PDB file of N, CA and C in Angstrom:
ATOM      1  N   MET A   1       0.888  -0.860   0.131  1.00  0.00           N
ATOM      2  CA  MET A   1      -0.104  -0.092  -0.420  1.00  0.00           C
ATOM      3  C   MET A   1       1.114   1.364   0.111  1.00  0.00           C
ATOM      4  N   ASN A   2       0.727   2.276  -1.313  1.00  0.00           N
ATOM      5  CA  ASN A   2       1.609   3.642  -1.122  1.00  0.00           C
ATOM      6  C   ASN A   2       1.245   4.284  -0.115  1.00  0.00           C
ATOM      7  N   ASN A   3       1.861   4.877   0.860  1.00  0.00           N
ATOM      8  CA  ASN A   3       1.936   5.971   1.482  1.00  0.00           C
ATOM      9  C   ASN A   3       2.853   7.076   2.001  1.00  0.00           C
ATOM     10  N   ARG A   4       2.394   8.458   2.663  1.00  0.00           N
ATOM     11  CA  ARG A   4       3.303   9.032   2.386  1.00  0.00           C
ATOM     12  C   ARG A   4       3.838   8.758   3.802  1.00  0.00           C
ATOM     13  N   ILE A   5       4.554   8.180   4.470  1.00  0.00           N
ATOM     14  CA  ILE A   5       4.534   8.029   5.831  1.00  0.00           C
ATOM     15  C   ILE A   5       6.229   8.821   5.701  1.00  0.00           C
ATOM     16  N   ARG A   6       7.222   7.722   4.709  1.00  0.00           N
ATOM     17  CA  ARG A   6       8.988   8.343   4.845  1.00  0.00           C
ATOM     18  C   ARG A   6       8.612   9.844   4.569  1.00  0.00           C
ATOM     19  N   VAL A   7       7.869  10.760   3.622  1.00  0.00           N
ATOM     20  CA  VAL A   7       7.768  11.754   3.817  1.00  0.00           C
ATOM     21  C   VAL A   7       7.317  12.634   5.038  1.00  0.00           C
ATOM     22  N   LEU A   8       6.401  12.404   5.403  1.00  0.00           N
ATOM     23  CA  LEU A   8       6.116  13.139   6.478  1.00  0.00           C
ATOM     24  C   LEU A   8       6.691  13.086   7.762  1.00  0.00           C
ATOM     25  N   ARG A   9       7.852  11.727   7.960  1.00  0.00           N
ATOM     26  CA  ARG A   9       8.764  11.575   9.002  1.00  0.00           C
ATOM     27  C   ARG A   9       9.596  13.020   8.541  1.00  0.00           C
ATOM     28  N   ALA A  10       9.760  12.694   7.536  1.00  0.00           N
ATOM     29  CA  ALA A  10      11.352  13.225   6.912  1.00  0.00           C
ATOM     30  C   ALA A  10      11.108  14.645   6.642  1.00  0.00           C
ATOM     31  N   GLU A  11      10.166  15.010   7.142  1.00  0.00           N
ATOM     32  CA  GLU A  11       9.365  16.501   7.085  1.00  0.00           C
ATOM     33  C   GLU A  11       9.381  17.598   9.036  1.00  0.00           C
ATOM     34  N   HIS A  12       8.818  16.004   9.197  1.00  0.00           N
ATOM     35  CA  HIS A  12       9.312  16.219  11.025  1.00  0.00           C
ATOM     36  C   HIS A  12      10.600  16.513  11.265  1.00  0.00           C
ATOM     37  N   ASP A  13      11.153  16.288  10.506  1.00  0.00           N
ATOM     38  CA  ASP A  13      12.663  14.944  10.995  1.00  0.00           C
ATOM     39  C   ASP A  13      12.891  14.215  12.472  1.00  0.00           C
ATOM     40  N   TRP A  14      12.452  13.015  12.820  1.00  0.00           N
ATOM     41  CA  TRP A  14      11.382  12.338  12.928  1.00  0.00           C
ATOM     42  C   TRP A  14      12.918  10.865  12.639  1.00  0.00           C
ATOM     43  N   SER A  15      13.150  10.792  13.158  1.00  0.00           N
ATOM     44  CA  SER A  15      13.445   8.898  12.691  1.00  0.00           C
ATOM     45  C   SER A  15      12.543   7.332  12.780  1.00  0.00           C
ATOM     46  N   GLN A  16      12.766   6.497  12.128  1.00  0.00           N
ATOM     47  CA  GLN A  16      12.062   5.630  12.022  1.00  0.00           C
ATOM     48  C   GLN A  16      11.741   5.282  13.918  1.00  0.00           C
ATOM     49  N   ALA A  17      12.581   5.668  14.614  1.00  0.00           N
ATOM     50  CA  ALA A  17      12.314   4.337  15.976  1.00  0.00           C
ATOM     51  C   ALA A  17      11.395   5.896  16.578  1.00  0.00           C
ATOM     52  N   GLU A  18      11.655   6.708  16.180  1.00  0.00           N
ATOM     53  CA  GLU A  18      10.527   8.111  16.419  1.00  0.00           C
ATOM     54  C   GLU A  18       9.094   7.843  16.524  1.00  0.00           C
ATOM     55  N   VAL A  19       9.061   7.108  15.141  1.00  0.00           N
ATOM     56  CA  VAL A  19       7.818   7.553  14.781  1.00  0.00           C
ATOM     57  C   VAL A  19       6.989   6.429  15.551  1.00  0.00           C
ATOM     58  N   ALA A  20       8.293   4.732  15.685  1.00  0.00           N
ATOM     59  CA  ALA A  20       7.379   3.885  16.395  1.00  0.00           C
ATOM     60  C   ALA A  20       7.153   4.223  17.586  1.00  0.00           C
ATOM     61  N   ASP A  21       7.993   4.176  18.929  1.00  0.00           N
ATOM     62  CA  ASP A  21       7.812   4.671  19.819  1.00  0.00           C
ATOM     63  C   ASP A  21       6.521   5.733  19.979  1.00  0.00           C
ATOM     64  N   ARG A  22       6.225   7.015  19.310  1.00  0.00           N
ATOM     65  CA  ARG A  22       4.706   7.590  19.050  1.00  0.00           C
ATOM     66  C   ARG A  22       4.208   7.183  18.871  1.00  0.00           C
ATOM     67  N   LEU A  23       3.768   5.813  18.304  1.00  0.00           N
ATOM     68  CA  LEU A  23       2.940   4.813  17.426  1.00  0.00           C
ATOM     69  C   LEU A  23       2.838   3.827  18.616  1.00  0.00           C
ATOM     70  N   GLY A  24       3.653   3.516  19.320  1.00  0.00           N
ATOM     71  CA  GLY A  24       3.248   2.498  19.954  1.00  0.00           C
ATOM     72  C   GLY A  24       3.314   0.729  19.164  1.00  0.00           C
ATOM     73  N   VAL A  25       4.379   1.058  18.374  1.00  0.00           N
ATOM     74  CA  VAL A  25       4.271  -0.432  17.534  1.00  0.00           C
ATOM     75  C   VAL A  25       5.903   0.027  17.561  1.00  0.00           C
ATOM     76  N   ALA A  26       6.581  -1.369  16.464  1.00  0.00           N
ATOM     77  CA  ALA A  26       8.153  -1.790  16.842  1.00  0.00           C
ATOM     78  C   ALA A  26       8.441  -0.594  15.577  1.00  0.00           C
ATOM     79  N   ARG A  27       9.796  -0.705  15.199  1.00  0.00           N
ATOM     80  CA  ARG A  27      10.632   0.052  13.691  1.00  0.00           C
ATOM     81  C   ARG A  27      10.508  -0.721  12.892  1.00  0.00           C
ATOM     82  N   GLN A  28      10.399  -1.900  13.061  1.00  0.00           N
ATOM     83  CA  GLN A  28      10.726  -2.457  11.936  1.00  0.00           C
ATOM     84  C   GLN A  28       8.831  -1.981  11.318  1.00  0.00           C
ATOM     85  N   THR A  29       8.268  -2.558  11.653  1.00  0.00           N
ATOM     86  CA  THR A  29       6.406  -2.273  11.922  1.00  0.00           C
ATOM     87  C   THR A  29       6.392  -1.116  10.866  1.00  0.00           C
ATOM     88  N   VAL A  30       7.292   0.592  10.951  1.00  0.00           N
ATOM     89  CA  VAL A  30       7.266   1.564  11.061  1.00  0.00           C
ATOM     90  C   VAL A  30       8.198   1.265   9.244  1.00  0.00           C
ATOM     91  N   VAL A  31       9.202   0.842   9.255  1.00  0.00           N
ATOM     92  CA  VAL A  31       9.990  -0.507   8.111  1.00  0.00           C
ATOM     93  C   VAL A  31       9.506  -0.226   7.230  1.00  0.00           C
ATOM     94  N   ALA A  32       8.119  -1.194   7.658  1.00  0.00           N
ATOM     95  CA  ALA A  32       7.535  -2.335   6.541  1.00  0.00           C
ATOM     96  C   ALA A  32       6.439  -0.959   6.186  1.00  0.00           C
ATOM     97  N   LEU A  33       5.620  -0.363   7.082  1.00  0.00           N
ATOM     98  CA  LEU A  33       4.728   1.104   6.281  1.00  0.00           C
ATOM     99  C   LEU A  33       5.689   1.559   5.401  1.00  0.00           C
ATOM    100  N   GLU A  34       7.127   2.370   5.199  1.00  0.00           N
ATOM    101  CA  GLU A  34       6.871   2.870   4.442  1.00  0.00           C
ATOM    102  C   GLU A  34       7.861   2.124   2.798  1.00  0.00           C
ATOM    103  N   ALA A  35       7.966   0.784   3.536  1.00  0.00           N
ATOM    104  CA  ALA A  35       8.296   0.490   2.113  1.00  0.00           C
ATOM    105  C   ALA A  35       7.174  -0.318   1.610  1.00  0.00           C
ATOM    106  N   GLY A  36       5.821  -0.290   1.746  1.00  0.00           N
ATOM    107  CA  GLY A  36       4.898  -0.017   1.450  1.00  0.00           C
ATOM    108  C   GLY A  36       4.255  -1.631   1.652  1.00  0.00           C
ATOM    109  N   LYS A  37       5.189  -2.430   2.402  1.00  0.00           N
ATOM    110  CA  LYS A  37       4.788  -4.389   2.477  1.00  0.00           C
ATOM    111  C   LYS A  37       4.062  -4.683   3.556  1.00  0.00           C
ATOM    112  N   TYR A  38       2.949  -3.412   4.199  1.00  0.00           N
ATOM    113  CA  TYR A  38       2.293  -3.759   5.411  1.00  0.00           C
ATOM    114  C   TYR A  38       1.409  -2.770   5.161  1.00  0.00           C
ATOM    115  N   ALA A  39      -0.407  -3.453   5.523  1.00  0.00           N
ATOM    116  CA  ALA A  39      -1.003  -2.190   5.593  1.00  0.00           C
ATOM    117  C   ALA A  39      -2.090  -2.749   7.041  1.00  0.00           C
ATOM    118  N   PRO A  40      -1.979  -1.176   7.185  1.00  0.00           N
ATOM    119  CA  PRO A  40      -2.433  -1.231   9.174  1.00  0.00           C
ATOM    120  C   PRO A  40      -3.501  -1.364   9.202  1.00  0.00           C
ATOM    121  N   SER A  41      -4.033  -1.981  10.134  1.00  0.00           N
ATOM    122  CA  SER A  41      -4.874  -1.471  10.812  1.00  0.00           C
ATOM    123  C   SER A  41      -6.063  -0.293  10.934  1.00  0.00           C
ATOM    124  N   LEU A  42      -7.285  -0.434  10.851  1.00  0.00           N
ATOM    125  CA  LEU A  42      -7.271   0.422  10.757  1.00  0.00           C
ATOM    126  C   LEU A  42      -7.689   2.401  12.277  1.00  0.00           C
ATOM    127  N   PRO A  43      -7.486   1.204  13.206  1.00  0.00           N
ATOM    128  CA  PRO A  43      -6.699   2.182  14.375  1.00  0.00           C
ATOM    129  C   PRO A  43      -5.423   2.747  14.166  1.00  0.00           C
ATOM    130  N   LEU A  44      -4.917   1.349  13.724  1.00  0.00           N
ATOM    131  CA  LEU A  44      -3.327   2.205  13.397  1.00  0.00           C
ATOM    132  C   LEU A  44      -2.923   3.305  12.421  1.00  0.00           C
ATOM    133  N   ALA A  45      -4.258   3.474  11.415  1.00  0.00           N
ATOM    134  CA  ALA A  45      -4.120   4.057  10.359  1.00  0.00           C
ATOM    135  C   ALA A  45      -4.665   5.416  10.740  1.00  0.00           C
ATOM    136  N   PHE A  46      -5.392   5.199  11.959  1.00  0.00           N
ATOM    137  CA  PHE A  46      -6.160   7.265  12.484  1.00  0.00           C
ATOM    138  C   PHE A  46      -5.354   7.513  13.337  1.00  0.00           C
ATOM    139  N   LYS A  47      -4.157   6.293  14.112  1.00  0.00           N
ATOM    140  CA  LYS A  47      -3.136   6.747  15.498  1.00  0.00           C
ATOM    141  C   LYS A  47      -1.874   7.883  14.457  1.00  0.00           C
ATOM    142  N   ILE A  48      -2.183   6.921  12.652  1.00  0.00           N
ATOM    143  CA  ILE A  48      -0.973   7.529  12.289  1.00  0.00           C
ATOM    144  C   ILE A  48      -1.486   9.131  11.476  1.00  0.00           C
ATOM    145  N   GLY A  49      -2.593   9.255  11.175  1.00  0.00           N
ATOM    146  CA  GLY A  49      -2.801   9.928  11.148  1.00  0.00           C
ATOM    147  C   GLY A  49      -2.842  11.558  12.199  1.00  0.00           C
ATOM    148  N   LYS A  50      -3.290  10.882  13.448  1.00  0.00           N
ATOM    149  CA  LYS A  50      -3.247  12.206  14.304  1.00  0.00           C
ATOM    150  C   LYS A  50      -2.036  12.819  14.298  1.00  0.00           C
ATOM    151  N   LEU A  51      -0.872  12.139  14.363  1.00  0.00           N
ATOM    152  CA  LEU A  51       0.642  11.446  14.894  1.00  0.00           C
ATOM    153  C   LEU A  51       1.010  13.068  13.874  1.00  0.00           C
ATOM    154  N   PHE A  52       0.290  12.306  12.639  1.00  0.00           N
ATOM    155  CA  PHE A  52       1.184  13.940  12.003  1.00  0.00           C
ATOM    156  C   PHE A  52      -0.242  14.840  11.164  1.00  0.00           C
ATOM    157  N   GLY A  53      -0.882  14.935  11.955  1.00  0.00           N
ATOM    158  CA  GLY A  53      -2.079  16.568  11.413  1.00  0.00           C
ATOM    159  C   GLY A  53      -2.334  15.830  10.242  1.00  0.00           C
ATOM    160  N   LYS A  54      -2.724  14.645   9.973  1.00  0.00           N
ATOM    161  CA  LYS A  54      -3.547  15.152   8.270  1.00  0.00           C
ATOM    162  C   LYS A  54      -4.633  13.373   8.654  1.00  0.00           C
ATOM    163  N   PRO A  55      -5.382  14.287   8.280  1.00  0.00           N
ATOM    164  CA  PRO A  55      -6.954  13.015   7.515  1.00  0.00           C
ATOM    165  C   PRO A  55      -5.736  11.145   6.822  1.00  0.00           C
ATOM    166  N   VAL A  56      -6.317  10.277   7.658  1.00  0.00           N
ATOM    167  CA  VAL A  56      -5.908   9.083   6.826  1.00  0.00           C
ATOM    168  C   VAL A  56      -5.993   9.322   4.901  1.00  0.00           C
ATOM    169  N   GLU A  57      -7.227   9.122   4.381  1.00  0.00           N
ATOM    170  CA  GLU A  57      -6.933   9.170   2.473  1.00  0.00           C
ATOM    171  C   GLU A  57      -6.119  10.160   2.348  1.00  0.00           C
ATOM    172  N   GLU A  58      -5.591  11.361   3.492  1.00  0.00           N
ATOM    173  CA  GLU A  58      -3.767  12.262   2.446  1.00  0.00           C
ATOM    174  C   GLU A  58      -2.684  11.469   2.534  1.00  0.00           C
ATOM    175  N   ILE A  59      -2.581  10.791   3.220  1.00  0.00           N
ATOM    176  CA  ILE A  59      -1.299  10.199   3.829  1.00  0.00           C
ATOM    177  C   ILE A  59      -1.086   8.328   3.260  1.00  0.00           C
ATOM    178  N   PHE A  60      -2.707   7.536   3.187  1.00  0.00           N
ATOM    179  CA  PHE A  60      -2.820   6.601   2.349  1.00  0.00           C
ATOM    180  C   PHE A  60      -3.102   6.576   0.991  1.00  0.00           C
ATOM    181  N   ASP A  61      -3.196   6.012  -0.360  1.00  0.00           N
ATOM    182  CA  ASP A  61      -3.924   6.009  -1.657  1.00  0.00           C
ATOM    183  C   ASP A  61      -4.191   4.238  -1.042  1.00  0.00           C
ATOM    184  N   ALA A  62      -5.368   4.459  -1.372  1.00  0.00           N
ATOM    185  CA  ALA A  62      -6.372   3.716  -1.526  1.00  0.00           C
ATOM    186  C   ALA A  62      -6.323   2.969  -2.144  1.00  0.00           C
ATOM    187  N   GLU A  63      -6.026   3.151  -3.754  1.00  0.00           N
ATOM    188  CA  GLU A  63      -6.277   2.813  -4.960  1.00  0.00           C
ATOM    189  C   GLU A  63      -4.915   1.990  -4.774  1.00  0.00           C
ATOM    190  N   SER A  64      -3.861   2.054  -4.361  1.00  0.00           N
ATOM    191  CA  SER A  64      -3.055   1.247  -4.625  1.00  0.00           C
ATOM    192  C   SER A  64      -2.751  -0.332  -3.576  1.00  0.00           C
ATOM    193  N   ALA A  65      -3.679  -0.079  -3.225  1.00  0.00           N
ATOM    194  CA  ALA A  65      -4.329  -1.220  -2.082  1.00  0.00           C
ATOM    195  C   ALA A  65      -4.885  -2.702  -3.090  1.00  0.00           C
ATOM    196  N   THR A  66      -5.587  -2.084  -3.656  1.00  0.00           N
ATOM    197  CA  THR A  66      -6.500  -3.048  -4.711  1.00  0.00           C
ATOM    198  C   THR A  66      -5.399  -3.916  -5.583  1.00  0.00           C
TER     199      THR A  66
END
């Protein structure tokens, strides 16, 4: 699933570990999310949106999930 997590993380100057800590997940989860190899659960997607102050639709590309 394509997403903008890497870009948003860079804009905030956060490491993958920092994002993982803020989300309460393992750093490997952030790595997999950024690589598009992992589609987050709905609760995690909303946590990501809240963390970056963006609606979920602005972070994740639903079209690439099909």
